[in-house]
PDB file of N, CA and C in Angstrom:
ATOM      1  N   MET A   1      25.801   6.550  -5.513  1.00  0.00           N
ATOM      2  CA  MET A   1      24.549   6.113  -5.576  1.00  0.00           C
ATOM      3  C   MET A   1      23.289   7.367  -4.379  1.00  0.00           C
ATOM      4  N   ARG A   2      22.449   7.143  -5.028  1.00  0.00           N
ATOM      5  CA  ARG A   2      21.738   8.524  -5.053  1.00  0.00           C
ATOM      6  C   ARG A   2      20.926   8.677  -3.791  1.00  0.00           C
ATOM      7  N   ARG A   3      20.898   8.721  -2.561  1.00  0.00           N
ATOM      8  CA  ARG A   3      20.690   8.673  -1.108  1.00  0.00           C
ATOM      9  C   ARG A   3      18.899   8.636  -0.694  1.00  0.00           C
ATOM     10  N   LEU A   4      17.810   8.410  -0.657  1.00  0.00           N
ATOM     11  CA  LEU A   4      17.087   8.669  -0.426  1.00  0.00           C
ATOM     12  C   LEU A   4      16.242   9.472  -0.405  1.00  0.00           C
ATOM     13  N   GLU A   5      16.812  10.103   0.722  1.00  0.00           N
ATOM     14  CA  GLU A   5      16.012  11.252   1.200  1.00  0.00           C
ATOM     15  C   GLU A   5      15.542  11.644  -0.115  1.00  0.00           C
ATOM     16  N   ALA A   6      16.543  12.322  -0.471  1.00  0.00           N
ATOM     17  CA  ALA A   6      16.350  13.232  -2.171  1.00  0.00           C
ATOM     18  C   ALA A   6      15.249  12.975  -2.461  1.00  0.00           C
ATOM     19  N   ILE A   7      14.597  11.804  -2.393  1.00  0.00           N
ATOM     20  CA  ILE A   7      13.300  10.942  -3.156  1.00  0.00           C
ATOM     21  C   ILE A   7      12.460  11.131  -2.343  1.00  0.00           C
ATOM     22  N   PRO A   8      11.403  12.133  -2.739  1.00  0.00           N
ATOM     23  CA  PRO A   8       9.713  12.135  -1.945  1.00  0.00           C
ATOM     24  C   PRO A   8       9.506  11.370  -1.916  1.00  0.00           C
ATOM     25  N   GLU A   9       9.230  10.043  -2.331  1.00  0.00           N
ATOM     26  CA  GLU A   9       8.160   9.175  -1.845  1.00  0.00           C
ATOM     27  C   GLU A   9       8.750   8.270  -0.420  1.00  0.00           C
ATOM     28  N   THR A  10       9.959   8.272  -0.168  1.00  0.00           N
ATOM     29  CA  THR A  10      10.380   7.986   1.077  1.00  0.00           C
ATOM     30  C   THR A  10       9.983   7.860   2.331  1.00  0.00           C
ATOM     31  N   ASN A  11       9.769   9.264   2.262  1.00  0.00           N
ATOM     32  CA  ASN A  11       9.111   9.663   3.683  1.00  0.00           C
ATOM     33  C   ASN A  11       7.370   8.870   3.597  1.00  0.00           C
ATOM     34  N   GLU A  12       6.758   8.801   2.388  1.00  0.00           N
ATOM     35  CA  GLU A  12       4.997   8.103   2.159  1.00  0.00           C
ATOM     36  C   GLU A  12       5.812   6.811   2.402  1.00  0.00           C
ATOM     37  N   SER A  13       6.517   6.097   1.825  1.00  0.00           N
ATOM     38  CA  SER A  13       6.845   4.456   2.124  1.00  0.00           C
ATOM     39  C   SER A  13       7.287   3.773   3.830  1.00  0.00           C
ATOM     40  N   LEU A  14       7.895   4.998   4.272  1.00  0.00           N
ATOM     41  CA  LEU A  14       7.922   4.992   5.627  1.00  0.00           C
ATOM     42  C   LEU A  14       6.827   5.247   6.249  1.00  0.00           C
ATOM     43  N   ARG A  15       6.401   5.587   6.012  1.00  0.00           N
ATOM     44  CA  ARG A  15       4.645   6.101   6.810  1.00  0.00           C
ATOM     45  C   ARG A  15       3.731   5.132   6.640  1.00  0.00           C
ATOM     46  N   ARG A  16       3.521   4.364   5.290  1.00  0.00           N
ATOM     47  CA  ARG A  16       3.038   3.120   4.808  1.00  0.00           C
ATOM     48  C   ARG A  16       3.237   1.989   5.977  1.00  0.00           C
ATOM     49  N   ILE A  17       4.646   1.546   6.215  1.00  0.00           N
ATOM     50  CA  ILE A  17       5.209   0.705   6.214  1.00  0.00           C
ATOM     51  C   ILE A  17       5.141   0.757   8.054  1.00  0.00           C
ATOM     52  N   ASP A  18       5.280   2.075   8.721  1.00  0.00           N
ATOM     53  CA  ASP A  18       4.510   2.268  10.257  1.00  0.00           C
ATOM     54  C   ASP A  18       3.373   1.189  10.339  1.00  0.00           C
ATOM     55  N   GLY A  19       2.622   1.784   9.619  1.00  0.00           N
ATOM     56  CA  GLY A  19       1.365   1.157   9.998  1.00  0.00           C
ATOM     57  C   GLY A  19       1.159   0.076   9.575  1.00  0.00           C
ATOM     58  N   VAL A  20       1.973  -1.129   8.373  1.00  0.00           N
ATOM     59  CA  VAL A  20       1.767  -2.106   8.513  1.00  0.00           C
ATOM     60  C   VAL A  20       2.593  -3.044  10.131  1.00  0.00           C
ATOM     61  N   ILE A  21       3.385  -2.094   9.855  1.00  0.00           N
ATOM     62  CA  ILE A  21       4.213  -2.226  11.816  1.00  0.00           C
ATOM     63  C   ILE A  21       2.803  -1.979  12.839  1.00  0.00           C
ATOM     64  N   ALA A  22       3.103  -1.470  13.065  1.00  0.00           N
ATOM     65  CA  ALA A  22       0.845  -1.034  14.122  1.00  0.00           C
ATOM     66  C   ALA A  22       0.426  -2.275  13.497  1.00  0.00           C
ATOM     67  N   ASP A  23      -0.200  -2.211  13.102  1.00  0.00           N
ATOM     68  CA  ASP A  23      -1.286  -3.093  12.415  1.00  0.00           C
ATOM     69  C   ASP A  23      -0.247  -4.437  12.555  1.00  0.00           C
ATOM     70  N   ALA A  24       0.310  -4.998  12.349  1.00  0.00           N
ATOM     71  CA  ALA A  24       0.674  -6.405  12.766  1.00  0.00           C
ATOM     72  C   ALA A  24       1.536  -6.601  14.136  1.00  0.00           C
ATOM     73  N   SER A  25       1.839  -5.430  14.818  1.00  0.00           N
ATOM     74  CA  SER A  25       2.323  -5.743  16.268  1.00  0.00           C
ATOM     75  C   SER A  25       0.757  -6.379  16.736  1.00  0.00           C
ATOM     76  N   THR A  26      -0.161  -4.870  16.332  1.00  0.00           N
ATOM     77  CA  THR A  26      -1.657  -5.094  16.950  1.00  0.00           C
ATOM     78  C   THR A  26      -2.471  -6.589  17.098  1.00  0.00           C
ATOM     79  N   THR A  27      -2.247  -6.958  15.912  1.00  0.00           N
ATOM     80  CA  THR A  27      -2.740  -8.136  15.122  1.00  0.00           C
ATOM     81  C   THR A  27      -1.726  -9.545  15.886  1.00  0.00           C
ATOM     82  N   ARG A  28      -0.182  -8.971  15.967  1.00  0.00           N
ATOM     83  CA  ARG A  28       0.083 -10.343  16.797  1.00  0.00           C
ATOM     84  C   ARG A  28       0.936 -11.888  15.358  1.00  0.00           C
ATOM     85  N   LEU A  29       1.089 -10.573  14.350  1.00  0.00           N
ATOM     86  CA  LEU A  29       1.632 -11.619  12.880  1.00  0.00           C
ATOM     87  C   LEU A  29       2.909 -11.554  13.482  1.00  0.00           C
ATOM     88  N   GLU A  30       3.790 -12.188  13.557  1.00  0.00           N
ATOM     89  CA  GLU A  30       4.958 -12.176  14.623  1.00  0.00           C
ATOM     90  C   GLU A  30       5.797 -12.033  12.700  1.00  0.00           C
ATOM     91  N   GLY A  31       5.738 -13.091  12.100  1.00  0.00           N
ATOM     92  CA  GLY A  31       6.294 -12.522  10.773  1.00  0.00           C
ATOM     93  C   GLY A  31       7.016 -11.810   9.956  1.00  0.00           C
ATOM     94  N   ILE A  32       5.257 -11.639  10.090  1.00  0.00           N
ATOM     95  CA  ILE A  32       4.738 -10.024   8.557  1.00  0.00           C
ATOM     96  C   ILE A  32       5.545  -8.908   9.709  1.00  0.00           C
ATOM     97  N   LEU A  33       5.582  -7.852  10.945  1.00  0.00           N
ATOM     98  CA  LEU A  33       5.915  -7.703  11.995  1.00  0.00           C
ATOM     99  C   LEU A  33       7.408  -7.193  11.470  1.00  0.00           C
ATOM    100  N   LEU A  34       7.997  -8.845  11.223  1.00  0.00           N
ATOM    101  CA  LEU A  34       9.481  -8.853  11.230  1.00  0.00           C
ATOM    102  C   LEU A  34      10.064  -8.128   9.856  1.00  0.00           C
ATOM    103  N   GLU A  35       9.297  -8.711   8.755  1.00  0.00           N
ATOM    104  CA  GLU A  35       8.969  -8.324   7.883  1.00  0.00           C
ATOM    105  C   GLU A  35       9.246  -6.934   6.895  1.00  0.00           C
ATOM    106  N   ALA A  36       8.359  -6.817   8.099  1.00  0.00           N
ATOM    107  CA  ALA A  36       8.087  -5.293   7.723  1.00  0.00           C
ATOM    108  C   ALA A  36       8.646  -4.489   8.386  1.00  0.00           C
ATOM    109  N   ARG A  37       9.364  -4.762   9.527  1.00  0.00           N
ATOM    110  CA  ARG A  37      10.778  -4.167   9.994  1.00  0.00           C
ATOM    111  C   ARG A  37      11.942  -3.903   9.240  1.00  0.00           C
ATOM    112  N   LEU A  38      12.313  -5.439   8.802  1.00  0.00           N
ATOM    113  CA  LEU A  38      13.073  -5.458   7.576  1.00  0.00           C
ATOM    114  C   LEU A  38      13.192  -4.354   6.469  1.00  0.00           C
ATOM    115  N   ALA A  39      11.734  -4.567   6.795  1.00  0.00           N
ATOM    116  CA  ALA A  39      12.428  -3.386   4.562  1.00  0.00           C
ATOM    117  C   ALA A  39      12.106  -2.092   5.092  1.00  0.00           C
ATOM    118  N   LYS A  40      11.740  -0.983   6.314  1.00  0.00           N
ATOM    119  CA  LYS A  40      11.871  -0.547   7.203  1.00  0.00           C
ATOM    120  C   LYS A  40      12.852  -0.015   6.896  1.00  0.00           C
ATOM    121  N   GLY A  41      13.803  -0.367   7.859  1.00  0.00           N
ATOM    122  CA  GLY A  41      15.594  -1.087   8.536  1.00  0.00           C
ATOM    123  C   GLY A  41      16.627  -0.471   7.110  1.00  0.00           C
ATOM    124  N   GLU A  42      16.242  -1.268   5.902  1.00  0.00           N
ATOM    125  CA  GLU A  42      16.359  -1.536   4.507  1.00  0.00           C
ATOM    126  C   GLU A  42      16.715   0.140   4.168  1.00  0.00           C
ATOM    127  N   ILE A  43      15.361   0.193   3.609  1.00  0.00           N
ATOM    128  CA  ILE A  43      15.289   2.157   3.826  1.00  0.00           C
ATOM    129  C   ILE A  43      16.068   3.186   3.950  1.00  0.00           C
ATOM    130  N   GLU A  44      15.503   2.500   5.626  1.00  0.00           N
ATOM    131  CA  GLU A  44      16.309   3.757   6.643  1.00  0.00           C
ATOM    132  C   GLU A  44      18.461   3.423   6.139  1.00  0.00           C
ATOM    133  N   MET A  45      18.276   2.355   5.701  1.00  0.00           N
ATOM    134  CA  MET A  45      20.079   2.079   5.763  1.00  0.00           C
ATOM    135  C   MET A  45      20.477   3.255   4.134  1.00  0.00           C
ATOM    136  N   GLY A  46      19.676   3.792   3.163  1.00  0.00           N
ATOM    137  CA  GLY A  46      19.871   4.337   1.997  1.00  0.00           C
ATOM    138  C   GLY A  46      19.344   5.718   2.787  1.00  0.00           C
ATOM    139  N   THR A  47      19.007   6.413   3.049  1.00  0.00           N
ATOM    140  CA  THR A  47      19.202   7.271   3.595  1.00  0.00           C
ATOM    141  C   THR A  47      20.640   8.171   3.980  1.00  0.00           C
ATOM    142  N   ALA A  48      20.264   9.585   4.040  1.00  0.00           N
ATOM    143  CA  ALA A  48      21.677   9.543   4.547  1.00  0.00           C
ATOM    144  C   ALA A  48      22.447  10.058   5.826  1.00  0.00           C
ATOM    145  N   ASP A  49      21.197   9.473   7.295  1.00  0.00           N
ATOM    146  CA  ASP A  49      21.422   8.934   8.522  1.00  0.00           C
ATOM    147  C   ASP A  49      21.619   7.219   8.153  1.00  0.00           C
ATOM    148  N   SER A  50      22.370   6.905   7.491  1.00  0.00           N
ATOM    149  CA  SER A  50      22.237   5.898   7.777  1.00  0.00           C
ATOM    150  C   SER A  50      22.449   4.909   8.986  1.00  0.00           C
ATOM    151  N   SER A  51      23.523   5.786   9.554  1.00  0.00           N
ATOM    152  CA  SER A  51      23.817   5.285  10.903  1.00  0.00           C
ATOM    153  C   SER A  51      22.045   4.525  11.986  1.00  0.00           C
ATOM    154  N   ALA A  52      20.673   5.833  11.618  1.00  0.00           N
ATOM    155  CA  ALA A  52      19.670   5.076  12.328  1.00  0.00           C
ATOM    156  C   ALA A  52      19.388   3.958  11.691  1.00  0.00           C
ATOM    157  N   GLY A  53      19.259   3.350  10.658  1.00  0.00           N
ATOM    158  CA  GLY A  53      19.658   2.109   9.599  1.00  0.00           C
ATOM    159  C   GLY A  53      20.163   1.483  10.350  1.00  0.00           C
ATOM    160  N   ARG A  54      21.181   1.814  10.893  1.00  0.00           N
ATOM    161  CA  ARG A  54      21.429   0.595  11.236  1.00  0.00           C
ATOM    162  C   ARG A  54      21.454   0.178  12.701  1.00  0.00           C
ATOM    163  N   ALA A  55      21.489   0.927  13.419  1.00  0.00           N
ATOM    164  CA  ALA A  55      21.043   0.755  14.897  1.00  0.00           C
ATOM    165  C   ALA A  55      19.350   0.300  14.858  1.00  0.00           C
ATOM    166  N   TYR A  56      17.828  -0.008  14.229  1.00  0.00           N
ATOM    167  CA  TYR A  56      17.008   0.154  13.448  1.00  0.00           C
ATOM    168  C   TYR A  56      17.120  -1.373  13.533  1.00  0.00           C
ATOM    169  N   LEU A  57      18.154  -1.675  12.325  1.00  0.00           N
ATOM    170  CA  LEU A  57      18.224  -3.302  12.052  1.00  0.00           C
ATOM    171  C   LEU A  57      18.714  -4.287  12.979  1.00  0.00           C
ATOM    172  N   GLU A  58      19.788  -3.486  13.619  1.00  0.00           N
ATOM    173  CA  GLU A  58      20.584  -4.145  14.904  1.00  0.00           C
ATOM    174  C   GLU A  58      19.658  -4.466  15.958  1.00  0.00           C
ATOM    175  N   ALA A  59      18.309  -3.570  16.690  1.00  0.00           N
ATOM    176  CA  ALA A  59      17.500  -4.057  17.495  1.00  0.00           C
ATOM    177  C   ALA A  59      16.560  -4.877  16.488  1.00  0.00           C
ATOM    178  N   LEU A  60      16.476  -5.436  15.581  1.00  0.00           N
ATOM    179  CA  LEU A  60      15.295  -5.598  14.640  1.00  0.00           C
ATOM    180  C   LEU A  60      16.019  -7.111  14.813  1.00  0.00           C
ATOM    181  N   GLN A  61      17.315  -7.560  14.421  1.00  0.00           N
ATOM    182  CA  GLN A  61      17.764  -8.855  15.159  1.00  0.00           C
ATOM    183  C   GLN A  61      18.326  -9.115  16.158  1.00  0.00           C
ATOM    184  N   GLN A  62      17.758  -8.503  17.373  1.00  0.00           N
ATOM    185  CA  GLN A  62      18.087  -8.998  18.225  1.00  0.00           C
ATOM    186  C   GLN A  62      16.623  -9.729  19.244  1.00  0.00           C
ATOM    187  N   ASP A  63      15.375  -9.019  18.535  1.00  0.00           N
ATOM    188  CA  ASP A  63      14.360  -9.705  18.430  1.00  0.00           C
ATOM    189  C   ASP A  63      13.950 -10.440  17.930  1.00  0.00           C
ATOM    190  N   ALA A  64      14.726 -10.831  16.658  1.00  0.00           N
ATOM    191  CA  ALA A  64      14.037 -11.971  16.116  1.00  0.00           C
ATOM    192  C   ALA A  64      14.537 -12.757  16.466  1.00  0.00           C
ATOM    193  N   VAL A  65      15.767 -12.912  17.062  1.00  0.00           N
ATOM    194  CA  VAL A  65      16.722 -13.788  17.582  1.00  0.00           C
ATOM    195  C   VAL A  65      15.564 -14.438  18.705  1.00  0.00           C
ATOM    196  N   LYS A  66      15.597 -13.682  19.782  1.00  0.00           N
ATOM    197  CA  LYS A  66      14.363 -13.730  21.032  1.00  0.00           C
ATOM    198  C   LYS A  66      13.369 -14.146  20.932  1.00  0.00           C
ATOM    199  N   GLU A  67      12.752 -14.169  19.583  1.00  0.00           N
ATOM    200  CA  GLU A  67      11.281 -14.176  19.277  1.00  0.00           C
ATOM    201  C   GLU A  67      11.603 -15.726  18.214  1.00  0.00           C
ATOM    202  N   GLY A  68      12.827 -16.766  17.947  1.00  0.00           N
ATOM    203  CA  GLY A  68      12.899 -17.161  17.201  1.00  0.00           C
ATOM    204  C   GLY A  68      12.568 -17.512  15.976  1.00  0.00           C
ATOM    205  N   PHE A  69      12.830 -16.218  15.299  1.00  0.00           N
ATOM    206  CA  PHE A  69      13.127 -16.044  13.817  1.00  0.00           C
ATOM    207  C   PHE A  69      14.392 -16.063  13.818  1.00  0.00           C
ATOM    208  N   GLU A  70      15.460 -16.955  13.392  1.00  0.00           N
ATOM    209  CA  GLU A  70      15.978 -16.988  13.331  1.00  0.00           C
ATOM    210  C   GLU A  70      16.342 -17.029  11.680  1.00  0.00           C
ATOM    211  N   LEU A  71      15.852 -17.741  10.938  1.00  0.00           N
ATOM    212  CA  LEU A  71      16.281 -18.224   9.795  1.00  0.00           C
ATOM    213  C   LEU A  71      15.899 -16.259   9.038  1.00  0.00           C
ATOM    214  N   ILE A  72      14.821 -15.452   9.209  1.00  0.00           N
ATOM    215  CA  ILE A  72      15.196 -14.455   8.933  1.00  0.00           C
ATOM    216  C   ILE A  72      16.442 -13.378   9.325  1.00  0.00           C
ATOM    217  N   VAL A  73      16.472 -14.150  10.627  1.00  0.00           N
ATOM    218  CA  VAL A  73      18.173 -13.251  10.643  1.00  0.00           C
ATOM    219  C   VAL A  73      19.402 -13.567   9.871  1.00  0.00           C
ATOM    220  N   ARG A  74      19.605 -15.036   9.183  1.00  0.00           N
ATOM    221  CA  ARG A  74      20.637 -15.395   9.215  1.00  0.00           C
ATOM    222  C   ARG A  74      20.478 -15.605   7.220  1.00  0.00           C
ATOM    223  N   LYS A  75      19.169 -15.758   6.981  1.00  0.00           N
ATOM    224  CA  LYS A  75      18.599 -15.369   5.690  1.00  0.00           C
ATOM    225  C   LYS A  75      18.513 -14.054   5.044  1.00  0.00           C
ATOM    226  N   ARG A  76      17.525 -12.916   5.561  1.00  0.00           N
ATOM    227  CA  ARG A  76      17.796 -11.451   5.274  1.00  0.00           C
ATOM    228  C   ARG A  76      18.385 -10.165   5.705  1.00  0.00           C
ATOM    229  N   LEU A  77      18.979 -10.618   6.733  1.00  0.00           N
ATOM    230  CA  LEU A  77      19.237  -9.160   7.983  1.00  0.00           C
ATOM    231  C   LEU A  77      20.644  -9.524   7.708  1.00  0.00           C
ATOM    232  N   PRO A  78      20.793  -8.011   6.659  1.00  0.00           N
ATOM    233  CA  PRO A  78      22.301  -8.073   6.648  1.00  0.00           C
ATOM    234  C   PRO A  78      23.735  -7.884   7.404  1.00  0.00           C
ATOM    235  N   LEU A  79      22.861  -7.132   8.659  1.00  0.00           N
ATOM    236  CA  LEU A  79      24.107  -7.066   9.600  1.00  0.00           C
ATOM    237  C   LEU A  79      24.561  -8.036  10.052  1.00  0.00           C
ATOM    238  N   ALA A  80      23.452  -9.656  10.387  1.00  0.00           N
ATOM    239  CA  ALA A  80      23.948 -10.876  10.668  1.00  0.00           C
ATOM    240  C   ALA A  80      24.597 -11.793  10.235  1.00  0.00           C
ATOM    241  N   ARG A  81      24.497 -11.364   8.751  1.00  0.00           N
ATOM    242  CA  ARG A  81      26.027 -11.920   7.794  1.00  0.00           C
ATOM    243  C   ARG A  81      27.107 -12.258   8.128  1.00  0.00           C
ATOM    244  N   GLY A  82      28.054 -11.125   8.858  1.00  0.00           N
ATOM    245  CA  GLY A  82      29.039 -11.420   9.504  1.00  0.00           C
ATOM    246  C   GLY A  82      29.038 -11.469  10.951  1.00  0.00           C
ATOM    247  N   ARG A  83      28.248 -11.998  11.309  1.00  0.00           N
ATOM    248  CA  ARG A  83      28.564 -12.596  13.379  1.00  0.00           C
ATOM    249  C   ARG A  83      28.402 -13.673  12.746  1.00  0.00           C
ATOM    250  N   ASN A  84      28.998 -14.060  14.546  1.00  0.00           N
ATOM    251  CA  ASN A  84      29.155 -15.436  14.824  1.00  0.00           C
ATOM    252  C   ASN A  84      27.346 -16.227  15.314  1.00  0.00           C
ATOM    253  N   ARG A  85      26.672 -16.583  14.509  1.00  0.00           N
ATOM    254  CA  ARG A  85      25.285 -17.331  14.942  1.00  0.00           C
ATOM    255  C   ARG A  85      24.987 -17.790  15.529  1.00  0.00           C
ATOM    256  N   SER A  86      26.449 -19.334  16.355  1.00  0.00           N
ATOM    257  CA  SER A  86      26.094 -20.341  16.109  1.00  0.00           C
ATOM    258  C   SER A  86      26.034 -19.956  18.274  1.00  0.00           C
ATOM    259  N   SER A  87      26.044 -18.536  18.195  1.00  0.00           N
ATOM    260  CA  SER A  87      25.985 -17.986  19.980  1.00  0.00           C
ATOM    261  C   SER A  87      24.209 -17.933  20.479  1.00  0.00           C
ATOM    262  N   HIS A  88      23.613 -17.563  19.457  1.00  0.00           N
ATOM    263  CA  HIS A  88      22.385 -17.219  19.022  1.00  0.00           C
ATOM    264  C   HIS A  88      21.152 -18.250  18.331  1.00  0.00           C
ATOM    265  N   ARG A  89      21.523 -19.327  18.732  1.00  0.00           N
ATOM    266  CA  ARG A  89      20.658 -20.735  17.994  1.00  0.00           C
ATOM    267  C   ARG A  89      19.245 -20.342  19.095  1.00  0.00           C
ATOM    268  N   VAL A  90      18.336 -20.626  18.293  1.00  0.00           N
ATOM    269  CA  VAL A  90      17.297 -20.663  19.439  1.00  0.00           C
ATOM    270  C   VAL A  90      16.298 -21.932  18.906  1.00  0.00           C
ATOM    271  N   GLY A  91      16.432 -22.650  17.706  1.00  0.00           N
ATOM    272  CA  GLY A  91      15.932 -24.075  17.803  1.00  0.00           C
ATOM    273  C   GLY A  91      15.176 -24.098  16.052  1.00  0.00           C
ATOM    274  N   ASN A  92      15.931 -23.564  15.317  1.00  0.00           N
ATOM    275  CA  ASN A  92      15.034 -22.707  14.402  1.00  0.00           C
ATOM    276  C   ASN A  92      15.368 -23.645  12.879  1.00  0.00           C
TER     277      ASN A  92
END
């Protein structure tokens, strides 16, 4: 598999996603914020330094559970699939 750092569009994509993250954070659109962060983490997982992407997604997982977005964690976040989710129930 070709790592995304070799593709020039990766940095531009990350820059644009960072803009979405900033806007969603400012306007407090939590669902959009979490989806944009998920996209960023997925892109970073495809780069040469996938450990940064993994750390980013782990932080996102914690934030999503804390904010009551467990459904995103269960359905979309790859890191959450192998973990015991019963201890993370928040009422969704």
